[in-house]
Amino acid sequence: MIFTPKETLTEQEVKDGLNTVLKEGMTTEAMVTLAGGTFMVAFAIILGASNFQIGLLASLPTFTNIFQLLSVFLIRKYNNRRAVSVICCILARIPMVLLGAMPFFLGDNAPVSLLLFFLFFYYFFGSIAGPSWNAWMKDLVPGDMLGAFFSKRSRYAQTLNVVLSIILALSIDYLRRHAPQYELYVYATMFMMAGIAGLAAVVLLARVPEPRSYLPNENILKMFIKPLRDNNFQRLLVFNSFWLFAVNIATPFFTVYMLKTLGLTLTYIIPLTILSQLSSIFTIGYWGKFADRYSNKTIISICAPLYVACVIAWCFVGIYTNLISNLALLAVIHIVSGSSNAGTNLALTNIGLKLAPSREAIVYLSVKNIITSVFSSLAPLIGGYLADYYTLRQLRVIAEWSGPNLQKTFRLLLLHEWNFLFLIGAVLTLVALQFLPRVREAGEVHKSVVKRIMRTSLKSNLRDYFVIDVLINWHSSLNNMLKSDRASSDAAQQEK
């Protein structure tokens, strides 16, 4: 059988497999860029989605993770992670093609419920493929390069995301200005292309070799209880669940806020998203290197507070109507959140892989994904409800200056439907961080030590860059002088 696992893989097979995984990551990222994030939210808004439906849309990717139990059942039965991943990925990408075809048959009367229906199956089969892919990669990627490899894969994927997002945003906004009647069909075409790109990624995935694994021959319920009895893994589950709940109560609505309340077009929103991605691209390798060297937990303790600061900063967006001021603040928020999210997400993924025993990795990771998905899927639904609740409520904090020649009022804080939500999210993320110190990880180094080492490393790199740059310029100048002297000498020789 083409998907039959091998007892052992040669060094060359591992190398070729990792190169193919990088290519598969790029193709999958093309699918995600075409069909995810801002574009999917904008498409739902065109169809008339409510705040609650936007929240439901954001909760689907994590809600469907509760079905990952099926992945363990299939792998127990067939002991073939590659077959489960490939087949489920095919079944996941077909609904995306159908979703894209929907407006061509129903036009702008296509119901939001049908959009949610197709997305449910897209995420459902994707959630089944996820644990088998994670366990497969854990055995394929050497343990001492997990952080470096996945940061590289993420960096390549995000670079593609940046380029593709710019092209799509400019194209959509141009069409919106000159032919708005076709906007819906442009989104539909993008989603069909996303499904096709996803199917191309499956072809690459099928070529990656799989080392054989053996799940313990135990009752499946007992297998799932075992990670819950692991005290350290249990503490990781508590932190991860609270963190994802806190993050997802506000994050899915940042794009909605920029589109509906601030009135920004994709020409502004996508470059801001790209700023975040560029920040992630430039820093994720740095986070991966230090995560491998010191610990994932240390990276989380450094990056997570930065993200909390970004969520708090969202409360101040829109206080003034000046577009430049808002864009400047949004740019800073996206740069810092891109870097902090890169480190936090990478470390959360890797610490789960690290704390899971090799023979039971798929069980541990499935339990982690199922439990955290309950919290992260509830959060956007509650967030959508809270946004509706605070629609007619406001809190203003102002400062007034009164004098003989000047009377001035300064807005310090303006909270309304979205800002209330962002403030609640910030408070909850601060609460979630209190659970992190309880998690134990081998090789853990205190964050103050790592911060000092990172600062030293950064200064050293900058100094090396400066010295090398000076040497290159000096060498270039010297060569130019020599060439000039040689030319003068040749000219003098010719005159003689």
Protein backbone atom coordinates (compact mmCIF):
# COMPACT_ATOMS: atom_id res chain seq x y z
CA MET A 1 0.00 0.00 0.00
CA ILE A 2 1.29 3.47 -0.90
CA PHE A 3 0.72 4.81 2.65
CA THR A 4 2.38 1.90 4.48
CA PRO A 5 4.63 3.23 7.30
CA LYS A 6 8.30 2.18 7.47
CA GLU A 7 9.99 0.64 10.48
CA THR A 8 12.90 3.05 10.20
CA LEU A 9 13.70 5.99 7.95
CA THR A 10 17.11 6.71 6.47
CA GLU A 11 18.73 10.10 7.01
CA GLN A 12 18.05 10.98 3.36
CA GLU A 13 14.38 10.00 3.64
CA VAL A 14 14.01 12.25 6.69
CA LYS A 15 15.73 15.12 4.88
CA ASP A 16 13.56 14.73 1.76
CA GLY A 17 10.45 14.39 3.93
CA LEU A 18 11.20 17.62 5.80
CA ASN A 19 11.76 19.48 2.51
CA THR A 20 8.39 18.22 1.26
CA VAL A 21 6.72 19.30 4.51
CA LEU A 22 8.09 22.82 3.90
CA LYS A 23 6.56 22.84 0.40
CA GLU A 24 3.29 21.44 1.75
CA GLY A 25 3.27 24.23 4.35
CA MET A 26 3.59 26.86 1.61
CA THR A 27 0.72 25.38 -0.41
CA THR A 28 -1.48 25.04 2.66
CA GLU A 29 -0.71 28.65 3.57
CA ALA A 30 -1.92 29.71 0.12
CA MET A 31 -5.24 28.03 0.95
CA VAL A 32 -5.40 29.67 4.38
CA THR A 33 -4.61 33.12 2.96
CA LEU A 34 -7.20 32.87 0.21
CA ALA A 35 -9.98 31.64 2.50
CA GLY A 36 -9.19 32.73 6.02
CA GLY A 37 -9.06 35.66 8.38
CA THR A 38 -10.04 39.06 7.07
CA PHE A 39 -11.38 37.84 3.72
CA MET A 40 -13.77 35.31 5.27
CA VAL A 41 -15.05 37.90 7.77
CA ALA A 42 -15.55 40.45 4.98
CA PHE A 43 -17.43 37.83 2.93
CA ALA A 44 -19.69 37.01 5.90
CA ILE A 45 -20.43 40.72 6.47
CA ILE A 46 -21.43 41.09 2.79
CA LEU A 47 -23.88 38.22 3.30
CA GLY A 48 -25.33 40.08 6.32
CA ALA A 49 -23.85 38.09 9.22
CA SER A 50 -24.69 39.31 12.73
CA ASN A 51 -22.17 39.71 15.58
CA PHE A 52 -23.25 36.36 17.01
CA GLN A 53 -22.80 34.68 13.60
CA ILE A 54 -19.33 36.26 13.31
CA GLY A 55 -18.57 34.78 16.73
CA LEU A 56 -19.89 31.40 15.58
CA LEU A 57 -17.72 31.66 12.46
CA ALA A 58 -14.67 32.30 14.66
CA SER A 59 -15.55 29.44 17.03
CA LEU A 60 -15.89 26.73 14.35
CA PRO A 61 -12.14 26.02 13.93
CA THR A 62 -11.76 25.26 17.63
CA PHE A 63 -15.22 23.79 18.30
CA THR A 64 -14.64 21.02 15.77
CA ASN A 65 -11.49 19.98 17.65
CA ILE A 66 -13.72 18.04 20.04
CA PHE A 67 -14.02 15.46 17.25
CA GLN A 68 -10.31 14.67 17.39
CA LEU A 69 -11.23 11.57 19.36
CA LEU A 70 -12.14 10.10 15.96
CA SER A 71 -8.54 10.58 14.84
CA VAL A 72 -7.26 8.41 17.70
CA PHE A 73 -9.92 5.77 16.94
CA LEU A 74 -8.91 5.64 13.25
CA ILE A 75 -5.21 5.43 14.03
CA ARG A 76 -5.81 2.72 16.62
CA LYS A 77 -7.72 0.75 14.00
CA TYR A 78 -5.43 1.23 10.98
CA ASN A 79 -2.11 2.32 12.59
CA ASN A 80 -1.49 4.62 9.62
CA ARG A 81 -1.23 8.32 10.42
CA ARG A 82 -0.39 9.35 6.87
CA ALA A 83 -3.51 7.68 5.43
CA VAL A 84 -5.75 9.33 8.04
CA SER A 85 -4.16 12.76 7.43
CA VAL A 86 -4.30 12.59 3.63
CA ILE A 87 -7.85 11.22 3.31
CA CYS A 88 -9.29 13.64 5.88
CA CYS A 89 -7.50 16.58 4.26
CA ILE A 90 -9.12 15.68 0.92
CA LEU A 91 -12.55 15.56 2.58
CA ALA A 92 -11.82 18.91 4.27
CA ARG A 93 -10.83 20.80 1.12
CA ILE A 94 -13.78 19.74 -1.06
CA PRO A 95 -16.33 21.77 1.04
CA MET A 96 -14.18 24.86 0.47
CA VAL A 97 -14.59 24.44 -3.30
CA LEU A 98 -18.37 24.04 -2.83
CA LEU A 99 -18.46 27.11 -0.57
CA GLY A 100 -16.79 29.13 -3.32
CA ALA A 101 -19.31 27.89 -5.89
CA MET A 102 -22.27 28.89 -3.66
CA PRO A 103 -22.63 32.57 -4.77
CA PHE A 104 -22.56 31.59 -8.45
CA PHE A 105 -25.78 29.61 -7.89
CA LEU A 106 -27.49 31.69 -5.17
CA GLY A 107 -26.00 35.16 -5.73
CA ASP A 108 -26.08 37.61 -2.83
CA ASN A 109 -29.10 35.74 -1.41
CA ALA A 110 -26.81 32.94 -0.22
CA PRO A 111 -27.66 32.40 3.48
CA VAL A 112 -24.99 32.75 6.15
CA SER A 113 -26.20 29.42 7.54
CA LEU A 114 -25.05 27.68 4.34
CA LEU A 115 -21.64 29.31 4.67
CA LEU A 116 -21.42 27.99 8.24
CA PHE A 117 -22.57 24.55 7.05
CA PHE A 118 -19.72 24.17 4.53
CA LEU A 119 -17.18 25.62 6.96
CA PHE A 120 -18.25 23.12 9.61
CA PHE A 121 -17.22 20.19 7.41
CA TYR A 122 -14.06 22.01 6.30
CA TYR A 123 -12.96 22.34 9.93
CA PHE A 124 -14.46 18.97 11.01
CA PHE A 125 -12.29 16.86 8.71
CA GLY A 126 -9.36 19.19 9.28
CA SER A 127 -9.62 18.59 13.03
CA ILE A 128 -9.47 14.82 12.50
CA ALA A 129 -6.40 15.20 10.28
CA GLY A 130 -4.66 17.48 12.81
CA PRO A 131 -3.68 15.04 15.61
CA SER A 132 -2.45 12.39 13.19
CA TRP A 133 -0.35 15.04 11.40
CA ASN A 134 1.08 16.34 14.70
CA ALA A 135 2.01 12.86 15.95
CA TRP A 136 3.46 12.00 12.52
CA MET A 137 5.60 15.17 12.52
CA LYS A 138 6.77 14.53 16.10
CA ASP A 139 8.30 11.23 14.96
CA LEU A 140 9.60 12.63 11.66
CA VAL A 141 11.27 15.85 12.90
CA PRO A 142 14.34 15.26 15.12
CA GLY A 143 13.58 16.40 18.67
CA ASP A 144 16.51 18.80 18.93
CA MET A 145 15.30 20.85 15.96
CA LEU A 146 11.54 21.06 16.57
CA GLY A 147 11.64 24.79 17.28
CA ALA A 148 14.04 25.61 14.45
CA PHE A 149 12.19 23.53 11.82
CA PHE A 150 8.67 24.73 12.61
CA SER A 151 9.80 28.35 12.93
CA LYS A 152 11.38 28.00 9.47
CA ARG A 153 8.21 26.44 8.07
CA SER A 154 6.12 29.20 9.63
CA ARG A 155 8.48 31.91 8.32
CA TYR A 156 8.25 30.61 4.74
CA ALA A 157 4.47 30.30 4.96
CA GLN A 158 4.01 33.78 6.39
CA THR A 159 6.23 35.31 3.70
CA LEU A 160 3.91 33.83 1.08
CA ASN A 161 0.94 35.08 3.10
CA VAL A 162 2.30 38.64 3.01
CA VAL A 163 2.85 38.71 -0.75
CA LEU A 164 -0.48 37.06 -1.57
CA SER A 165 -2.42 39.23 0.90
CA ILE A 166 -1.10 42.45 -0.67
CA ILE A 167 -2.12 41.33 -4.16
CA LEU A 168 -5.59 40.24 -3.01
CA ALA A 169 -6.27 43.37 -0.94
CA LEU A 170 -5.31 45.76 -3.75
CA SER A 171 -7.35 43.75 -6.27
CA ILE A 172 -10.46 43.62 -4.08
CA ASP A 173 -10.39 47.33 -3.20
CA TYR A 174 -9.81 48.28 -6.85
CA LEU A 175 -12.80 46.16 -7.84
CA ARG A 176 -14.90 47.61 -5.01
CA ARG A 177 -14.30 51.12 -6.36
CA HIS A 178 -14.77 50.36 -10.05
CA ALA A 179 -17.09 47.32 -10.18
CA PRO A 180 -18.68 46.75 -6.74
CA GLN A 181 -21.28 44.39 -8.21
CA TYR A 182 -18.57 41.75 -8.67
CA GLU A 183 -17.08 41.89 -5.17
CA LEU A 184 -19.05 38.90 -3.90
CA TYR A 185 -17.94 36.77 -6.86
CA VAL A 186 -14.29 37.71 -6.35
CA TYR A 187 -14.48 36.30 -2.83
CA ALA A 188 -16.22 33.20 -4.19
CA THR A 189 -13.45 32.67 -6.76
CA MET A 190 -10.82 33.08 -4.04
CA PHE A 191 -12.45 30.35 -1.94
CA MET A 192 -12.62 27.97 -4.88
CA MET A 193 -8.92 28.60 -5.54
CA ALA A 194 -8.27 28.00 -1.84
CA GLY A 195 -9.88 24.57 -2.08
CA ILE A 196 -7.80 23.71 -5.15
CA ALA A 197 -4.58 24.86 -3.43
CA GLY A 198 -5.54 22.73 -0.43
CA LEU A 199 -5.94 19.66 -2.62
CA ALA A 200 -2.52 20.36 -4.16
CA ALA A 201 -1.07 20.41 -0.63
CA VAL A 202 -2.56 16.95 -0.05
CA VAL A 203 -0.62 15.61 -3.05
CA LEU A 204 2.62 16.83 -1.44
CA LEU A 205 1.62 15.50 1.97
CA ALA A 206 1.07 12.03 0.51
CA ARG A 207 4.75 11.92 -0.52
CA VAL A 208 6.10 12.46 3.03
CA PRO A 209 7.33 9.18 4.59
CA GLU A 210 5.95 7.98 7.93
CA PRO A 211 7.93 6.09 10.58
CA ARG A 212 5.85 3.33 12.13
CA SER A 213 4.35 3.98 15.53
CA TYR A 214 2.55 1.75 18.01
CA LEU A 215 -0.28 2.90 20.22
CA PRO A 216 -0.71 1.01 23.49
CA ASN A 217 -3.39 -1.67 23.26
CA GLU A 218 -5.59 -0.12 25.93
CA ASN A 219 -9.20 0.87 26.29
CA ILE A 220 -9.58 4.18 24.43
CA LEU A 221 -11.35 5.83 27.38
CA LYS A 222 -8.52 4.82 29.72
CA MET A 223 -6.04 6.21 27.22
CA PHE A 224 -7.77 9.59 27.30
CA ILE A 225 -7.91 9.64 31.09
CA LYS A 226 -4.17 9.01 31.37
CA PRO A 227 -3.05 12.53 30.25
CA LEU A 228 -5.53 14.00 32.75
CA ARG A 229 -3.78 12.09 35.55
CA ASP A 230 -0.40 13.49 34.50
CA ASN A 231 -0.11 16.40 36.96
CA ASN A 232 2.28 18.48 34.89
CA PHE A 233 0.33 17.97 31.65
CA GLN A 234 -2.82 18.80 33.59
CA ARG A 235 -1.32 22.13 34.64
CA LEU A 236 -0.44 22.84 31.00
CA LEU A 237 -4.07 22.12 30.02
CA VAL A 238 -5.36 24.58 32.62
CA PHE A 239 -3.08 27.39 31.45
CA ASN A 240 -3.61 26.68 27.74
CA SER A 241 -7.41 26.56 28.13
CA PHE A 242 -7.64 29.80 30.10
CA TRP A 243 -5.23 31.54 27.76
CA LEU A 244 -7.12 30.55 24.60
CA PHE A 245 -10.44 31.53 26.17
CA ALA A 246 -9.08 34.95 27.11
CA VAL A 247 -7.47 35.53 23.71
CA ASN A 248 -10.43 34.37 21.62
CA ILE A 249 -13.05 36.41 23.44
CA ALA A 250 -11.74 39.56 21.73
CA THR A 251 -9.29 38.68 18.93
CA PRO A 252 -11.86 37.49 16.31
CA PHE A 253 -13.56 40.90 16.47
CA PHE A 254 -10.54 43.10 15.75
CA THR A 255 -11.19 42.87 12.01
CA VAL A 256 -14.94 43.47 12.48
CA TYR A 257 -14.14 46.57 14.55
CA MET A 258 -11.86 47.99 11.84
CA LEU A 259 -14.35 47.24 9.07
CA LYS A 260 -17.62 48.30 10.72
CA THR A 261 -16.74 50.89 13.38
CA LEU A 262 -13.56 52.54 12.09
CA GLY A 263 -14.72 52.20 8.48
CA LEU A 264 -11.31 51.08 7.21
CA THR A 265 -11.08 49.35 3.84
CA LEU A 266 -8.99 46.29 3.02
CA THR A 267 -6.35 48.65 1.60
CA TYR A 268 -5.64 49.68 5.20
CA ILE A 269 -6.49 46.44 7.02
CA ILE A 270 -4.38 44.04 4.95
CA PRO A 271 -1.18 46.15 5.22
CA LEU A 272 -1.71 46.20 8.99
CA THR A 273 -2.09 42.43 8.94
CA ILE A 274 1.05 42.22 6.83
CA LEU A 275 2.91 44.36 9.37
CA SER A 276 1.95 41.79 11.99
CA GLN A 277 3.08 38.94 9.76
CA LEU A 278 6.40 40.61 8.91
CA SER A 279 7.01 41.12 12.61
CA SER A 280 6.28 37.44 13.13
CA ILE A 281 8.54 36.40 10.24
CA PHE A 282 11.50 38.41 11.51
CA THR A 283 11.20 37.21 15.10
CA ILE A 284 9.93 33.62 14.97
CA GLY A 285 13.35 32.18 14.16
CA TYR A 286 14.71 34.09 17.15
CA TRP A 287 11.96 32.68 19.41
CA GLY A 288 12.49 29.16 18.04
CA LYS A 289 16.24 29.27 18.69
CA PHE A 290 15.81 30.42 22.28
CA ALA A 291 12.92 28.00 22.90
CA ASP A 292 15.15 25.08 21.89
CA ARG A 293 18.07 26.39 23.93
CA TYR A 294 16.29 27.42 27.15
CA SER A 295 12.59 26.44 27.29
CA ASN A 296 9.22 27.05 25.68
CA LYS A 297 7.72 28.16 28.98
CA THR A 298 10.29 30.95 29.26
CA ILE A 299 9.37 32.23 25.79
CA ILE A 300 5.66 32.24 26.76
CA SER A 301 6.41 34.19 29.94
CA ILE A 302 8.19 36.83 27.82
CA CYS A 303 5.78 37.03 24.86
CA ALA A 304 2.37 36.68 26.56
CA PRO A 305 2.57 39.95 28.58
CA LEU A 306 3.43 41.80 25.36
CA TYR A 307 0.24 40.48 23.79
CA VAL A 308 -1.77 41.54 26.85
CA ALA A 309 -0.41 45.07 26.39
CA CYS A 310 -1.60 44.99 22.76
CA VAL A 311 -5.14 43.99 23.75
CA ILE A 312 -5.23 46.85 26.27
CA ALA A 313 -4.00 49.23 23.55
CA TRP A 314 -7.02 48.30 21.39
CA CYS A 315 -9.20 50.07 23.98
CA PHE A 316 -7.58 53.37 22.93
CA VAL A 317 -8.10 52.91 19.19
CA GLY A 318 -10.82 55.21 17.90
CA ILE A 319 -10.78 57.68 20.84
CA TYR A 320 -10.02 60.38 18.27
CA THR A 321 -11.40 60.49 14.75
CA ASN A 322 -8.03 61.43 13.24
CA LEU A 323 -7.17 58.69 10.74
CA ILE A 324 -3.39 59.11 10.99
CA SER A 325 -3.41 58.78 14.80
CA ASN A 326 -5.52 55.63 14.66
CA LEU A 327 -3.39 54.07 11.93
CA ALA A 328 -0.18 54.85 13.83
CA LEU A 329 -1.52 53.19 16.98
CA LEU A 330 -2.84 50.22 14.98
CA ALA A 331 0.56 49.82 13.30
CA VAL A 332 2.34 49.64 16.66
CA ILE A 333 -0.25 47.17 17.98
CA HIS A 334 0.10 44.89 14.95
CA ILE A 335 3.91 44.93 15.04
CA VAL A 336 4.12 44.03 18.73
CA SER A 337 1.26 41.51 18.62
CA GLY A 338 2.78 39.80 15.55
CA SER A 339 6.05 39.23 17.34
CA SER A 340 4.48 38.20 20.66
CA ASN A 341 1.96 35.87 19.01
CA ALA A 342 4.73 34.20 17.01
CA GLY A 343 6.63 33.33 20.17
CA THR A 344 3.58 32.35 22.23
CA ASN A 345 1.97 30.11 19.60
CA LEU A 346 5.25 28.43 18.68
CA ALA A 347 6.08 27.76 22.34
CA LEU A 348 2.57 26.49 23.16
CA THR A 349 2.73 24.02 20.27
CA ASN A 350 6.22 22.85 21.12
CA ILE A 351 5.65 22.51 24.87
CA GLY A 352 2.68 20.23 24.16
CA LEU A 353 4.87 18.10 21.88
CA LYS A 354 7.67 18.10 24.45
CA LEU A 355 5.56 17.07 27.46
CA ALA A 356 3.76 14.30 25.54
CA PRO A 357 5.44 10.84 25.76
CA SER A 358 6.51 9.62 22.30
CA ARG A 359 4.46 6.41 22.33
CA GLU A 360 1.32 8.25 23.42
CA ALA A 361 1.87 11.58 21.70
CA ILE A 362 -1.31 11.45 19.63
CA VAL A 363 -3.42 10.72 22.74
CA TYR A 364 -1.86 13.52 24.77
CA LEU A 365 -2.09 16.02 21.92
CA SER A 366 -5.70 15.04 21.13
CA VAL A 367 -6.73 15.47 24.76
CA LYS A 368 -5.00 18.86 24.79
CA ASN A 369 -6.71 19.98 21.58
CA ILE A 370 -10.15 18.69 22.61
CA ILE A 371 -10.14 20.33 26.04
CA THR A 372 -8.70 23.65 24.87
CA SER A 373 -11.13 23.72 21.93
CA VAL A 374 -14.11 23.79 24.29
CA PHE A 375 -12.83 27.00 25.87
CA SER A 376 -11.56 28.65 22.69
CA SER A 377 -14.85 27.93 20.84
CA LEU A 378 -17.04 29.26 23.65
CA ALA A 379 -15.05 32.51 23.82
CA PRO A 380 -16.09 34.05 20.42
CA LEU A 381 -19.75 33.15 21.08
CA ILE A 382 -19.63 34.91 24.46
CA GLY A 383 -17.69 37.75 22.81
CA GLY A 384 -20.39 38.20 20.16
CA TYR A 385 -23.08 38.26 22.86
CA LEU A 386 -21.14 40.82 24.93
CA ALA A 387 -20.58 43.02 21.87
CA ASP A 388 -24.36 43.11 21.28
CA TYR A 389 -24.98 43.76 25.00
CA TYR A 390 -22.63 46.78 25.08
CA THR A 391 -23.90 48.22 21.77
CA LEU A 392 -26.00 50.90 23.52
CA ARG A 393 -23.61 51.44 26.43
CA GLN A 394 -20.64 53.79 26.68
CA LEU A 395 -18.04 54.83 29.24
CA ARG A 396 -16.10 58.06 28.68
CA VAL A 397 -13.10 59.24 30.68
CA ILE A 398 -12.15 62.84 29.85
CA ALA A 399 -9.85 65.55 31.19
CA GLU A 400 -10.80 69.22 30.93
CA TRP A 401 -8.56 72.28 30.99
CA SER A 402 -10.18 75.63 31.63
CA GLY A 403 -8.32 78.94 31.59
CA PRO A 404 -8.71 82.59 30.57
CA ASN A 405 -7.49 82.00 27.04
CA LEU A 406 -7.99 78.28 26.51
CA GLN A 407 -10.61 75.69 27.20
CA LYS A 408 -9.78 72.20 26.07
CA THR A 409 -11.27 68.74 26.58
CA PHE A 410 -9.08 65.65 26.18
CA ARG A 411 -10.51 62.18 25.69
CA LEU A 412 -8.54 59.73 27.80
CA LEU A 413 -10.71 56.66 27.30
CA LEU A 414 -13.83 55.83 25.33
CA LEU A 415 -15.39 52.42 25.83
CA HIS A 416 -18.29 51.16 23.72
CA GLU A 417 -19.40 47.80 22.30
CA TRP A 418 -16.00 46.61 21.04
CA ASN A 419 -13.73 48.41 23.49
CA PHE A 420 -15.61 46.94 26.43
CA LEU A 421 -14.97 43.54 24.90
CA PHE A 422 -11.26 44.25 24.41
CA LEU A 423 -10.88 45.39 28.02
CA ILE A 424 -12.58 42.22 29.28
CA GLY A 425 -10.23 40.15 27.09
CA ALA A 426 -7.18 41.96 28.50
CA VAL A 427 -8.25 41.32 32.10
CA LEU A 428 -8.85 37.62 31.37
CA THR A 429 -5.42 37.21 29.72
CA LEU A 430 -3.80 38.66 32.85
CA VAL A 431 -5.71 36.10 34.94
CA ALA A 432 -4.64 33.27 32.60
CA LEU A 433 -0.96 34.18 33.03
CA GLN A 434 -1.19 33.37 36.74
CA PHE A 435 -1.45 29.66 35.84
CA LEU A 436 1.77 29.55 33.78
CA PRO A 437 4.31 29.30 36.68
CA ARG A 438 2.74 26.01 37.77
CA VAL A 439 3.82 24.25 34.55
CA ARG A 440 7.18 22.47 34.72
CA GLU A 441 9.45 22.00 31.70
CA ALA A 442 12.87 20.36 31.51
CA GLY A 443 15.70 22.85 31.01
CA GLU A 444 13.59 25.77 32.17
CA VAL A 445 15.52 29.01 32.67
CA HIS A 446 14.14 32.08 34.44
CA LYS A 447 12.88 34.69 31.99
CA SER A 448 15.09 37.46 33.44
CA VAL A 449 18.19 35.44 32.52
CA VAL A 450 16.88 34.75 29.01
CA LYS A 451 15.96 38.42 28.53
CA ARG A 452 19.52 39.43 29.42
CA ILE A 453 20.97 36.82 27.05
CA MET A 454 18.59 37.90 24.26
CA ARG A 455 19.56 41.56 24.70
CA THR A 456 23.25 40.62 24.60
CA SER A 457 22.70 38.45 21.51
CA LEU A 458 20.78 41.22 19.74
CA LYS A 459 23.44 43.82 20.54
CA SER A 460 26.16 41.43 19.39
CA ASN A 461 24.34 40.76 16.12
CA LEU A 462 23.86 44.48 15.52
CA ARG A 463 27.52 45.16 16.33
CA ASP A 464 28.65 42.34 14.03
CA TYR A 465 26.39 43.67 11.30
CA PHE A 466 27.83 47.18 11.73
CA VAL A 467 31.45 45.95 11.68
CA ILE A 468 30.85 43.75 8.65
CA ASP A 469 29.06 46.62 6.89
CA VAL A 470 32.00 48.97 7.60
CA LEU A 471 34.50 46.35 6.37
CA ILE A 472 32.49 45.78 3.19
CA ASN A 473 32.29 49.52 2.52
CA TRP A 474 36.00 49.95 3.30
CA HIS A 475 36.87 47.05 1.00
CA SER A 476 34.64 48.48 -1.73
CA SER A 477 36.23 51.94 -1.38
CA LEU A 478 39.72 50.44 -1.45
CA ASN A 479 38.90 48.51 -4.62
CA ASN A 480 37.54 51.66 -6.25
CA MET A 481 40.69 53.58 -5.30
CA LEU A 482 42.91 50.83 -6.70
CA LYS A 483 40.86 50.72 -9.90
CA SER A 484 41.12 54.52 -10.18
CA ASP A 485 44.88 54.47 -9.62
CA ARG A 486 45.26 51.64 -12.12
CA ALA A 487 43.19 53.55 -14.69
CA SER A 488 45.31 56.69 -14.16
CA SER A 489 48.49 54.68 -14.51
CA ASP A 490 47.23 53.07 -17.73
CA ALA A 491 46.26 56.45 -19.11
CA ALA A 492 49.68 57.90 -18.28
CA GLN A 493 51.35 54.89 -19.89
CA GLN A 494 49.30 55.41 -23.08
CA GLU A 495 50.30 59.09 -23.24
CA LYS A 496 53.96 58.09 -23.06
